[in-house]
Amino acid sequence: MGLGLVAHLVRLGVLSSTSDHASVVSINLFVALLCACIVLGHLLEENRWVNESITALIIGLCTGVVILLTTKGKSSHILVFSEDLFFIYLLPPIIFNAGFQVKKKQFFRNFMTITLFGAVGTMISFFTISLGAIAIFSRMNIGTLDVGDFLAIGAIFSATDSVCTLQVLNQDETPLLYSLVFGEGVVNDATSVVLFNALQNFDLNKIDVAVVLKFLGNFCYLFLSSTFLGVFAGLLSAYIIKKLYIGRHSTDREVALMMLMAYLSYMLAELLDLSGILTVFFCGIVMSHYTWHNVTESSRVTTKHAFATLSFIAETFLFLYVGMDALDIEKWEFASDSCSPGKSIGISSILLGLVLVGRAAFVFPLSFLSNLTKKTPLEKITWRQQIVIWWAGLMRGAVSIALAYNKFTRSGHTQLHGNAIMITSTITVVLFSTMVFGMMTKPLIRFLLPACSNTVTSEPSSPKSLHSPLLTSMQGSDLETAAANIVRPSSLRMLLSKPTHTVHYYWRKFDDALMRPMFGGRGFVPFSPGSPTEQSTHDGR
């Protein structure tokens, strides 16, 4: 199946080889490299400096060097980066698995802070980087770049890649920190892509109040519509599987239906010019809460591991791909023709500096505002945790690469000096931030959070599987007994004193009274011979 996908990508023109033999050679090379990344990543798992992302990046760079040497520098398009490949084939399984495997209790408990960092923070970073680019690059004579290009640069470099940090953090040991870094990363990617797409629909050479308001309105529309579409797709899959109970005849069909419905939600979002990232992420959350409990026990195990495996392969593919594509000679030649190597390094350094400043411009102020709303010290974001959050967003990855290619190239090629400089600078920033900042992540976190492996920093650990309810750790009769014994204040007083917990409480009541009886879920799947029941879940543990 994986070989067939690669072969299909070859036919789509991802690989520059034209003959069947060359295509087979390219497929064998890439599959072998993926295997090497997995093996070396496992062997280096305990290494202090290197993780799987950096391993894939290094292997990609080394492979690119070998290919250039064997072709005597003539072949600069062994692999041609395609933003369509990234957004259509590789990104959906990564984002869907993030939503499907997320610990929903922690994610929604910190949802306001995550949204504050991921949406508002990304906007602050976007404006900081954009204004810095306009102020500095417009004076450097680096090509025919206009205001729209500078704003696009802001959106491109606002997209973070926190994979390296998430590989070090443990969501059972540091649940608050992990949920903030993870949640902000997903919302950040979605916000950056929505910003980038929204910029393409406006004439940015004539900016006034009306254009800004229209832009913000379009942004909010894309954000909310994408979320609604993902929730709708997840609920539809849950309803179909619950009513038809496909697994009674074939577990393969219900697994296939879950996969296809998730992918369909992403493609529908792209078709409607919405954010596929947000859509498929919330589709994953809803499927894990409703649909996953409606399938047979064997399908639960299959889907959980299948989605995680597809995500892992796609992530490894991406870093390997970026490493090899960084050695595209054509773009480096165009960039060197229009500016000296020193000037090129200076441009990359400026962009890296703007990333650092843009990140700091919102992490520390928004953390301060978030802490003002917290009642207990355990709920507050400590200074050390703020540094980790700031550091986690300094790495730039495949999203930045894909957006840069979308803006500054046509089919992976560029003929303009200014565009070539932006492409090479983006590659430089991605490589430097991933390699240097990524290698320093483990030592930094061990220095800032030395006791994270022995203590829980803020919140009680979430359950270690997807069998947890959406917003509470209590189950069944325990929840009802606890609710009956608690004397609750008025709804308005609850909302003002503990808004997040109040929303959770009333959502739980609504979920149990209406949503689960209709769409299924834990404890609400009717028993029939051979059907998935909660008893089978407990028996399997």
Protein backbone atom coordinates (compact mmCIF):
# COMPACT_ATOMS: atom_id res chain seq x y z
CA MET A 1 0.00 0.00 0.00
CA GLY A 2 2.78 2.43 0.92
CA LEU A 3 4.70 1.51 -2.24
CA GLY A 4 1.58 2.08 -4.31
CA LEU A 5 1.17 5.56 -2.80
CA VAL A 6 4.75 6.47 -3.62
CA ALA A 7 4.28 5.14 -7.16
CA HIS A 8 1.17 7.28 -7.50
CA LEU A 9 3.08 10.32 -6.31
CA VAL A 10 5.76 9.58 -8.88
CA ARG A 11 3.15 9.57 -11.62
CA LEU A 12 1.86 12.90 -10.33
CA GLY A 13 5.28 14.39 -10.98
CA VAL A 14 6.60 14.55 -7.44
CA LEU A 15 9.76 12.79 -8.52
CA SER A 16 11.52 14.33 -11.45
CA SER A 17 12.43 10.96 -12.98
CA THR A 18 10.61 10.32 -16.23
CA SER A 19 11.44 6.71 -17.10
CA ASP A 20 9.88 3.73 -15.34
CA HIS A 21 13.28 2.39 -14.33
CA ALA A 22 14.33 5.71 -12.80
CA SER A 23 11.00 5.90 -10.97
CA VAL A 24 11.51 2.44 -9.47
CA VAL A 25 15.03 3.40 -8.42
CA SER A 26 13.70 6.57 -6.76
CA ILE A 27 10.98 4.62 -4.95
CA ASN A 28 13.48 2.05 -3.66
CA LEU A 29 15.84 4.80 -2.53
CA PHE A 30 13.16 6.69 -0.65
CA VAL A 31 11.63 3.64 1.03
CA ALA A 32 15.12 2.48 2.09
CA LEU A 33 15.83 5.93 3.51
CA LEU A 34 12.56 5.88 5.45
CA CYS A 35 13.57 2.52 6.94
CA ALA A 36 17.00 3.93 7.81
CA CYS A 37 15.39 6.93 9.54
CA ILE A 38 13.22 4.64 11.66
CA VAL A 39 16.11 2.36 12.65
CA LEU A 40 18.54 5.19 13.43
CA GLY A 41 15.83 7.14 15.24
CA HIS A 42 15.25 4.12 17.48
CA LEU A 43 18.96 3.67 18.15
CA LEU A 44 19.36 7.36 18.99
CA GLU A 45 16.19 7.64 21.06
CA GLU A 46 18.10 8.16 24.31
CA ASN A 47 20.61 10.53 22.73
CA ARG A 48 20.78 13.89 24.44
CA TRP A 49 21.06 15.96 21.27
CA VAL A 50 19.35 14.11 18.41
CA ASN A 51 15.73 13.03 17.86
CA GLU A 52 13.89 11.37 14.98
CA SER A 53 13.13 14.65 13.19
CA ILE A 54 16.76 15.73 13.17
CA THR A 55 17.84 12.22 12.17
CA ALA A 56 15.56 12.30 9.11
CA LEU A 57 16.77 15.78 8.23
CA ILE A 58 20.44 14.77 8.44
CA ILE A 59 19.86 11.63 6.36
CA GLY A 60 18.05 13.73 3.76
CA LEU A 61 20.93 16.20 3.57
CA CYS A 62 23.55 13.45 3.30
CA THR A 63 21.54 11.69 0.60
CA GLY A 64 21.21 14.93 -1.35
CA VAL A 65 24.98 15.44 -1.19
CA VAL A 66 25.61 11.90 -2.47
CA ILE A 67 23.15 12.36 -5.34
CA LEU A 68 24.76 15.66 -6.34
CA LEU A 69 28.22 14.10 -6.28
CA THR A 70 27.16 11.09 -8.37
CA THR A 71 25.53 13.36 -10.98
CA LYS A 72 28.51 15.78 -10.84
CA GLY A 73 26.23 18.62 -9.80
CA LYS A 74 24.11 18.46 -12.95
CA SER A 75 20.92 17.16 -11.38
CA SER A 76 19.29 19.70 -9.08
CA HIS A 77 15.77 18.26 -9.29
CA ILE A 78 16.05 14.72 -7.98
CA LEU A 79 13.08 15.63 -5.82
CA VAL A 80 10.89 18.62 -6.65
CA PHE A 81 9.00 19.96 -3.65
CA SER A 82 5.26 20.14 -4.31
CA GLU A 83 2.98 22.01 -1.97
CA ASP A 84 0.11 19.88 -3.31
CA LEU A 85 1.90 16.74 -2.13
CA PHE A 86 2.33 18.27 1.30
CA PHE A 87 -1.18 19.65 1.79
CA ILE A 88 -3.11 16.81 0.11
CA TYR A 89 -1.22 13.66 1.06
CA LEU A 90 1.13 14.23 4.01
CA LEU A 91 -0.47 16.83 6.28
CA PRO A 92 -3.97 15.27 6.75
CA PRO A 93 -2.84 12.07 8.57
CA ILE A 94 -0.53 14.10 10.85
CA ILE A 95 -3.21 16.59 11.92
CA PHE A 96 -6.00 14.01 12.13
CA ASN A 97 -3.94 11.77 14.40
CA ALA A 98 -3.14 14.79 16.57
CA GLY A 99 -6.86 15.30 17.15
CA PHE A 100 -7.65 11.58 17.41
CA GLN A 101 -4.96 10.86 20.03
CA VAL A 102 -5.18 14.12 21.99
CA LYS A 103 -6.01 13.94 25.68
CA LYS A 104 -9.25 15.82 25.38
CA LYS A 105 -9.64 16.53 29.08
CA GLN A 106 -6.41 18.52 29.18
CA PHE A 107 -6.93 20.09 25.77
CA PHE A 108 -10.38 21.48 26.55
CA ARG A 109 -9.50 22.37 30.12
CA ASN A 110 -6.82 24.69 28.69
CA PHE A 111 -8.74 25.54 25.53
CA MET A 112 -8.95 29.28 26.21
CA THR A 113 -5.20 29.55 26.83
CA ILE A 114 -4.45 27.39 23.78
CA THR A 115 -6.68 29.58 21.61
CA LEU A 116 -5.09 32.69 23.09
CA PHE A 117 -1.61 31.46 22.13
CA GLY A 118 -2.53 29.72 18.88
CA ALA A 119 -4.83 32.36 17.35
CA VAL A 120 -4.16 35.72 19.02
CA GLY A 121 -0.47 34.94 19.52
CA THR A 122 -0.01 33.93 15.90
CA MET A 123 -1.64 37.20 14.80
CA ILE A 124 0.78 39.15 17.01
CA SER A 125 3.72 37.19 15.59
CA PHE A 126 2.40 37.74 12.06
CA PHE A 127 2.22 41.51 12.46
CA THR A 128 5.61 41.67 14.21
CA ILE A 129 7.40 39.71 11.47
CA SER A 130 5.54 41.48 8.66
CA LEU A 131 6.28 44.99 9.96
CA GLY A 132 9.91 44.04 10.57
CA ALA A 133 10.22 42.67 7.03
CA ILE A 134 8.66 45.79 5.52
CA ALA A 135 10.93 48.09 7.55
CA ILE A 136 14.17 46.20 6.83
CA PHE A 137 13.89 44.35 3.51
CA SER A 138 12.34 47.29 1.62
CA ARG A 139 15.68 49.09 2.11
CA MET A 140 17.92 46.20 1.10
CA ASN A 141 17.10 45.98 -2.61
CA ILE A 142 16.63 42.23 -2.71
CA GLY A 143 14.19 42.06 -5.62
CA THR A 144 10.76 43.12 -6.71
CA LEU A 145 8.91 42.30 -3.48
CA ASP A 146 5.75 44.23 -2.65
CA VAL A 147 3.63 44.65 0.49
CA GLY A 148 1.73 41.45 -0.24
CA ASP A 149 5.00 39.52 -0.34
CA PHE A 150 6.14 40.97 3.00
CA LEU A 151 2.80 40.10 4.63
CA ALA A 152 3.08 36.60 3.19
CA ILE A 153 6.54 36.36 4.80
CA GLY A 154 4.87 37.18 8.12
CA ALA A 155 2.36 34.34 7.67
CA ILE A 156 5.05 31.92 6.46
CA PHE A 157 7.33 32.45 9.45
CA SER A 158 4.47 32.54 11.95
CA ALA A 159 3.91 28.81 11.33
CA THR A 160 5.76 26.90 14.05
CA ASP A 161 6.93 23.29 14.21
CA SER A 162 6.96 22.03 17.80
CA VAL A 163 7.62 18.36 16.94
CA CYS A 164 11.09 18.37 18.54
CA THR A 165 9.75 19.71 21.83
CA LEU A 166 6.76 17.35 21.89
CA GLN A 167 9.10 14.40 21.41
CA VAL A 168 10.86 15.39 24.63
CA LEU A 169 7.83 16.34 26.75
CA ASN A 170 5.62 13.66 28.27
CA GLN A 171 1.92 14.45 28.48
CA ASP A 172 1.49 12.24 31.56
CA GLU A 173 4.31 13.96 33.46
CA THR A 174 3.72 17.57 32.34
CA PRO A 175 0.08 17.59 31.16
CA LEU A 176 -0.45 21.37 31.29
CA LEU A 177 2.75 22.19 29.44
CA TYR A 178 2.26 19.42 26.88
CA SER A 179 -1.34 20.40 26.15
CA LEU A 180 -0.34 24.06 25.69
CA VAL A 181 2.59 23.30 23.36
CA PHE A 182 0.65 20.67 21.43
CA GLY A 183 -2.62 22.61 21.19
CA GLU A 184 -0.93 25.87 20.30
CA GLY A 185 1.05 24.10 17.56
CA VAL A 186 -2.09 22.78 15.86
CA VAL A 187 -4.07 26.04 16.17
CA ASN A 188 -0.97 27.97 15.08
CA ASP A 189 -0.61 25.94 11.88
CA ALA A 190 -4.28 26.38 11.08
CA THR A 191 -4.17 30.12 11.81
CA SER A 192 -1.04 30.61 9.69
CA VAL A 193 -2.53 28.78 6.72
CA VAL A 194 -5.85 30.65 7.05
CA LEU A 195 -3.93 33.95 7.25
CA PHE A 196 -1.85 33.03 4.21
CA ASN A 197 -4.91 32.05 2.17
CA ALA A 198 -6.85 35.14 3.27
CA LEU A 199 -3.99 37.38 2.12
CA GLN A 200 -4.24 35.97 -1.41
CA ASN A 201 -7.82 37.28 -1.77
CA PHE A 202 -7.12 40.97 -1.12
CA ASP A 203 -5.44 43.81 -2.95
CA LEU A 204 -2.85 44.64 -0.32
CA ASN A 205 -1.45 47.63 -2.21
CA LYS A 206 -4.54 49.62 -1.16
CA ILE A 207 -4.90 48.97 2.56
CA ASP A 208 -7.52 50.93 4.51
CA VAL A 209 -9.86 50.35 7.45
CA ALA A 210 -12.49 48.66 5.29
CA VAL A 211 -9.96 46.20 3.86
CA VAL A 212 -8.64 45.36 7.35
CA LEU A 213 -12.15 44.77 8.73
CA LYS A 214 -13.07 42.64 5.73
CA PHE A 215 -9.87 40.67 6.18
CA LEU A 216 -10.58 40.01 9.88
CA GLY A 217 -14.18 39.05 9.08
CA ASN A 218 -13.01 36.62 6.42
CA PHE A 219 -10.49 35.17 8.85
CA CYS A 220 -13.16 34.55 11.53
CA TYR A 221 -15.49 33.03 8.93
CA LEU A 222 -12.82 30.58 7.76
CA PHE A 223 -11.94 29.67 11.35
CA LEU A 224 -15.50 28.97 12.51
CA SER A 225 -16.68 27.33 9.27
CA SER A 226 -13.71 24.96 9.21
CA THR A 227 -14.34 23.91 12.82
CA PHE A 228 -18.05 23.33 12.15
CA LEU A 229 -17.33 21.21 9.08
CA GLY A 230 -14.92 18.99 11.05
CA VAL A 231 -17.43 18.49 13.88
CA PHE A 232 -20.19 17.72 11.36
CA ALA A 233 -18.08 15.11 9.53
CA GLY A 234 -17.16 13.42 12.81
CA LEU A 235 -20.77 13.30 14.00
CA LEU A 236 -21.96 11.99 10.63
CA SER A 237 -19.48 9.11 10.75
CA ALA A 238 -20.54 8.29 14.31
CA TYR A 239 -24.23 8.29 13.39
CA ILE A 240 -23.74 6.09 10.31
CA ILE A 241 -21.63 3.49 12.13
CA LYS A 242 -23.93 3.48 15.18
CA LYS A 243 -27.12 3.01 13.17
CA LEU A 244 -25.84 0.57 10.56
CA TYR A 245 -23.31 -1.16 12.80
CA ILE A 246 -21.11 -2.09 9.88
CA GLY A 247 -18.67 -4.04 12.06
CA ARG A 248 -21.29 -6.77 12.58
CA HIS A 249 -20.45 -7.96 9.06
CA SER A 250 -17.01 -6.49 8.38
CA THR A 251 -14.58 -4.69 10.64
CA ASP A 252 -12.59 -3.72 7.56
CA ARG A 253 -15.51 -1.64 6.31
CA GLU A 254 -15.90 0.40 9.48
CA VAL A 255 -12.14 1.07 9.66
CA ALA A 256 -12.16 2.09 5.99
CA LEU A 257 -15.20 4.31 6.56
CA MET A 258 -13.52 6.13 9.46
CA MET A 259 -10.39 6.77 7.38
CA LEU A 260 -12.28 7.90 4.29
CA MET A 261 -14.70 10.14 6.21
CA ALA A 262 -11.78 11.86 7.92
CA TYR A 263 -9.98 12.41 4.62
CA LEU A 264 -13.22 13.53 2.96
CA SER A 265 -13.69 16.23 5.60
CA TYR A 266 -10.21 17.58 4.83
CA MET A 267 -10.74 17.58 1.06
CA LEU A 268 -14.19 19.18 1.39
CA ALA A 269 -12.63 21.97 3.43
CA GLU A 270 -9.99 22.52 0.73
CA LEU A 271 -12.69 22.40 -1.96
CA LEU A 272 -14.70 25.07 -0.12
CA ASP A 273 -11.56 27.20 0.46
CA LEU A 274 -11.68 26.58 4.21
CA SER A 275 -8.90 25.42 6.54
CA GLY A 276 -8.44 21.69 6.12
CA ILE A 277 -6.12 21.63 9.13
CA LEU A 278 -8.80 22.84 11.55
CA THR A 279 -11.46 20.67 9.91
CA VAL A 280 -9.59 17.38 10.11
CA PHE A 281 -8.28 18.17 13.63
CA PHE A 282 -11.74 18.63 15.10
CA CYS A 283 -12.99 15.71 13.03
CA GLY A 284 -10.38 13.59 14.81
CA ILE A 285 -11.48 14.84 18.24
CA VAL A 286 -15.16 14.10 17.54
CA MET A 287 -14.39 10.68 16.04
CA SER A 288 -12.36 9.66 19.08
CA HIS A 289 -15.20 10.75 21.36
CA TYR A 290 -18.15 9.22 19.50
CA THR A 291 -17.27 7.12 16.43
CA TRP A 292 -14.41 5.19 18.04
CA HIS A 293 -16.70 3.81 20.75
CA ASN A 294 -19.23 2.61 18.18
CA VAL A 295 -16.90 0.20 16.39
CA THR A 296 -15.81 -3.30 17.39
CA GLU A 297 -12.95 -3.86 19.79
CA SER A 298 -10.65 -5.09 17.02
CA SER A 299 -11.44 -1.98 14.96
CA ARG A 300 -10.59 0.23 17.93
CA VAL A 301 -7.13 -1.29 18.22
CA THR A 302 -6.65 -1.17 14.46
CA THR A 303 -7.66 2.46 13.99
CA LYS A 304 -5.65 3.70 16.95
CA HIS A 305 -2.41 2.16 15.67
CA ALA A 306 -3.14 2.71 11.97
CA PHE A 307 -3.65 6.46 12.39
CA ALA A 308 -0.54 6.76 14.57
CA THR A 309 1.55 4.80 12.05
CA LEU A 310 0.40 6.87 9.06
CA SER A 311 1.16 10.06 10.98
CA PHE A 312 4.62 8.82 11.95
CA ILE A 313 5.53 7.83 8.38
CA ALA A 314 4.25 11.16 7.01
CA GLU A 315 6.31 13.16 9.54
CA THR A 316 9.46 11.15 8.75
CA PHE A 317 8.80 11.56 5.02
CA LEU A 318 8.49 15.33 5.44
CA PHE A 319 11.77 15.88 7.27
CA LEU A 320 13.59 13.56 4.89
CA TYR A 321 12.04 15.43 1.96
CA VAL A 322 12.99 18.86 3.30
CA GLY A 323 16.58 17.71 3.88
CA MET A 324 16.96 16.52 0.29
CA ASP A 325 15.19 19.50 -1.26
CA ALA A 326 17.46 21.92 0.59
CA LEU A 327 20.17 21.10 -1.97
CA ASP A 328 18.24 22.36 -4.99
CA ILE A 329 21.04 24.06 -6.95
CA GLU A 330 18.80 26.14 -9.21
CA LYS A 331 17.40 28.33 -6.42
CA TRP A 332 20.79 28.80 -4.78
CA GLU A 333 22.26 29.91 -8.13
CA PHE A 334 19.47 32.43 -8.69
CA ALA A 335 19.90 33.76 -5.15
CA SER A 336 23.69 34.08 -5.51
CA ASP A 337 23.30 35.99 -8.78
CA SER A 338 21.31 38.77 -7.11
CA CYS A 339 23.15 39.06 -3.80
CA SER A 340 26.43 38.04 -2.23
CA PRO A 341 26.67 35.09 0.18
CA GLY A 342 27.17 37.52 3.04
CA LYS A 343 24.00 39.39 2.15
CA SER A 344 22.09 36.12 1.85
CA ILE A 345 23.27 35.07 5.31
CA GLY A 346 22.27 38.49 6.61
CA ILE A 347 18.73 38.10 5.24
CA SER A 348 18.37 34.68 6.85
CA SER A 349 19.73 36.05 10.14
CA ILE A 350 17.22 38.92 10.05
CA LEU A 351 14.35 36.49 9.47
CA LEU A 352 15.56 34.32 12.34
CA GLY A 353 15.78 37.38 14.58
CA LEU A 354 12.24 38.41 13.64
CA VAL A 355 11.06 34.89 14.51
CA LEU A 356 12.66 35.18 17.95
CA VAL A 357 11.18 38.63 18.59
CA GLY A 358 7.77 37.73 17.17
CA ARG A 359 7.59 34.68 19.41
CA ALA A 360 8.58 36.58 22.54
CA ALA A 361 6.15 39.40 21.69
CA PHE A 362 3.16 37.25 22.60
CA VAL A 363 4.28 34.27 24.72
CA PHE A 364 5.30 36.27 27.82
CA PRO A 365 2.56 38.97 27.70
CA LEU A 366 -0.21 36.45 26.99
CA SER A 367 1.10 34.11 29.69
CA PHE A 368 0.89 37.02 32.13
CA LEU A 369 -2.72 37.70 31.09
CA SER A 370 -3.60 34.01 31.32
CA ASN A 371 -2.15 33.77 34.83
CA LEU A 372 -4.33 36.67 35.98
CA THR A 373 -7.41 34.47 35.41
CA LYS A 374 -6.04 31.48 37.35
CA LYS A 375 -6.98 31.00 41.00
CA THR A 376 -4.29 28.59 42.19
CA PRO A 377 -0.51 28.50 41.58
CA LEU A 378 -0.80 25.01 40.06
CA GLU A 379 -2.96 26.39 37.24
CA LYS A 380 -0.55 29.20 36.40
CA ILE A 381 2.16 29.04 33.76
CA THR A 382 5.49 29.35 35.53
CA TRP A 383 8.41 31.37 34.20
CA ARG A 384 10.30 28.20 33.27
CA GLN A 385 7.29 26.82 31.44
CA GLN A 386 6.95 30.09 29.54
CA ILE A 387 10.53 29.74 28.32
CA VAL A 388 9.81 26.18 27.13
CA ILE A 389 6.68 27.39 25.30
CA TRP A 390 8.69 30.21 23.70
CA TRP A 391 11.44 27.80 22.70
CA ALA A 392 9.00 25.20 21.32
CA GLY A 393 7.76 27.72 18.76
CA LEU A 394 11.16 28.77 17.44
CA MET A 395 11.53 25.78 15.10
CA ARG A 396 10.19 26.17 11.59
CA GLY A 397 9.26 23.15 9.47
CA ALA A 398 7.37 21.79 6.51
CA VAL A 399 4.41 24.20 6.78
CA SER A 400 6.74 27.18 6.32
CA ILE A 401 8.47 25.42 3.41
CA ALA A 402 5.15 24.59 1.73
CA LEU A 403 3.76 28.13 2.11
CA ALA A 404 7.00 29.64 0.81
CA TYR A 405 6.95 27.43 -2.27
CA ASN A 406 3.28 28.23 -2.80
CA LYS A 407 4.00 31.96 -2.75
CA PHE A 408 7.39 32.27 -4.40
CA THR A 409 7.55 29.40 -6.94
CA ARG A 410 5.56 27.88 -9.76
CA SER A 411 5.65 24.06 -9.84
CA GLY A 412 8.76 24.06 -7.67
CA HIS A 413 10.68 26.51 -9.92
CA THR A 414 11.37 30.22 -9.67
CA GLN A 415 12.77 32.68 -12.20
CA LEU A 416 12.77 35.84 -10.06
CA HIS A 417 15.77 36.80 -7.96
CA GLY A 418 13.73 38.14 -5.05
CA ASN A 419 11.62 34.98 -4.92
CA ALA A 420 14.72 32.78 -5.07
CA ILE A 421 16.23 34.68 -2.14
CA MET A 422 13.07 34.16 -0.07
CA ILE A 423 13.04 30.43 -0.88
CA THR A 424 16.70 29.90 0.04
CA SER A 425 16.30 32.04 3.16
CA THR A 426 13.28 29.98 4.23
CA ILE A 427 15.25 26.76 3.73
CA THR A 428 18.16 28.20 5.72
CA VAL A 429 15.93 29.24 8.62
CA VAL A 430 14.16 25.85 8.66
CA LEU A 431 17.42 23.91 8.61
CA PHE A 432 19.14 26.10 11.22
CA SER A 433 16.17 26.25 13.60
CA THR A 434 15.43 22.52 13.35
CA MET A 435 19.05 21.39 13.63
CA VAL A 436 20.43 23.88 16.16
CA PHE A 437 17.36 24.68 18.25
CA GLY A 438 16.15 21.08 17.95
CA MET A 439 19.44 19.67 19.25
CA MET A 440 19.35 22.07 22.19
CA THR A 441 15.76 21.20 23.14
CA LYS A 442 16.47 18.14 25.31
CA PRO A 443 19.27 19.77 27.35
CA LEU A 444 17.22 22.94 27.77
CA ILE A 445 14.13 21.13 29.04
CA ARG A 446 16.20 18.96 31.37
CA PHE A 447 17.77 22.14 32.75
CA LEU A 448 14.51 24.08 33.12
CA LEU A 449 12.34 21.15 34.25
CA PRO A 450 14.71 18.78 36.06
CA ALA A 451 11.97 17.16 38.11
CA CYS A 452 9.50 16.63 35.27
CA SER A 453 10.19 12.90 35.21
CA ASN A 454 9.38 12.52 38.90
CA THR A 455 6.57 14.98 39.53
CA VAL A 456 3.47 16.22 37.86
CA THR A 457 3.88 19.92 37.30
CA SER A 458 0.35 21.19 37.29
CA GLU A 459 -2.63 18.98 36.53
CA PRO A 460 -3.46 15.39 37.42
CA SER A 461 -2.39 12.98 34.74
CA SER A 462 -4.97 12.09 32.15
CA PRO A 463 -5.84 8.47 31.49
CA LYS A 464 -3.33 6.64 29.31
CA SER A 465 -5.76 5.69 26.56
CA LEU A 466 -8.58 7.04 24.48
CA HIS A 467 -11.13 5.42 26.78
CA SER A 468 -11.35 8.66 28.80
CA PRO A 469 -14.48 10.81 28.57
CA LEU A 470 -14.26 14.14 26.80
CA LEU A 471 -14.27 16.48 29.75
CA THR A 472 -14.05 14.50 33.00
CA SER A 473 -12.16 11.64 34.57
CA MET A 474 -15.26 10.31 36.41
CA GLN A 475 -17.35 7.58 34.85
CA GLY A 476 -20.97 6.46 34.97
CA SER A 477 -22.50 6.21 38.43
CA ASP A 478 -19.46 7.83 40.05
CA LEU A 479 -20.18 11.02 38.16
CA GLU A 480 -23.86 10.98 39.05
CA THR A 481 -23.15 10.33 42.77
CA ALA A 482 -20.54 13.08 42.93
CA ALA A 483 -22.83 15.51 41.15
CA ALA A 484 -25.68 14.76 43.53
CA ASN A 485 -23.57 15.31 46.65
CA ILE A 486 -22.12 18.66 45.56
CA VAL A 487 -24.00 21.81 46.46
CA ARG A 488 -23.50 24.01 43.43
CA PRO A 489 -23.77 27.79 43.39
CA SER A 490 -25.93 29.61 40.89
CA SER A 491 -25.11 29.24 37.20
CA LEU A 492 -24.07 32.89 36.85
CA ARG A 493 -21.84 32.73 39.91
CA MET A 494 -20.23 29.53 38.64
CA LEU A 495 -19.62 31.07 35.23
CA LEU A 496 -17.98 34.16 36.68
CA SER A 497 -15.84 32.33 39.25
CA LYS A 498 -14.81 29.26 37.21
CA PRO A 499 -15.83 29.76 33.59
CA THR A 500 -13.94 26.80 32.15
CA HIS A 501 -15.19 24.29 34.72
CA THR A 502 -18.74 25.64 34.38
CA VAL A 503 -18.72 25.19 30.60
CA HIS A 504 -17.37 21.68 31.12
CA TYR A 505 -20.11 20.84 33.59
CA TYR A 506 -22.98 21.99 31.38
CA TRP A 507 -21.41 20.46 28.28
CA ARG A 508 -21.26 17.14 30.12
CA LYS A 509 -24.96 17.34 30.96
CA PHE A 510 -25.80 18.23 27.35
CA ASP A 511 -23.53 15.46 26.04
CA ASP A 512 -25.12 12.77 28.23
CA ALA A 513 -28.69 13.96 27.63
CA LEU A 514 -28.63 14.49 23.86
CA MET A 515 -25.38 13.85 22.01
CA ARG A 516 -24.35 10.39 23.22
CA PRO A 517 -27.81 8.82 22.96
CA MET A 518 -27.95 10.00 19.34
CA PHE A 519 -24.34 9.53 18.17
CA GLY A 520 -23.08 6.85 20.56
CA GLY A 521 -19.96 6.94 22.67
CA ARG A 522 -18.79 5.50 25.94
CA GLY A 523 -21.65 3.83 27.77
CA PHE A 524 -24.27 4.72 25.14
CA VAL A 525 -23.80 1.92 22.61
CA PRO A 526 -26.77 -0.49 22.87
CA PHE A 527 -25.89 -4.13 23.46
CA SER A 528 -26.45 -6.66 20.73
CA PRO A 529 -24.71 -10.00 20.10
CA GLY A 530 -21.20 -9.27 18.90
CA SER A 531 -21.60 -5.49 19.18
CA PRO A 532 -19.00 -3.20 20.75
CA THR A 533 -19.82 -2.64 24.42
CA GLU A 534 -18.05 -1.03 27.28
CA GLN A 535 -17.82 -4.45 28.97
CA SER A 536 -15.61 -5.66 26.14
CA THR A 537 -13.46 -2.62 26.65
CA HIS A 538 -12.90 -3.37 30.31
CA ASP A 539 -12.41 -7.09 29.68
CA GLY A 540 -9.61 -6.25 27.27
CA ARG A 541 -7.63 -4.45 29.95
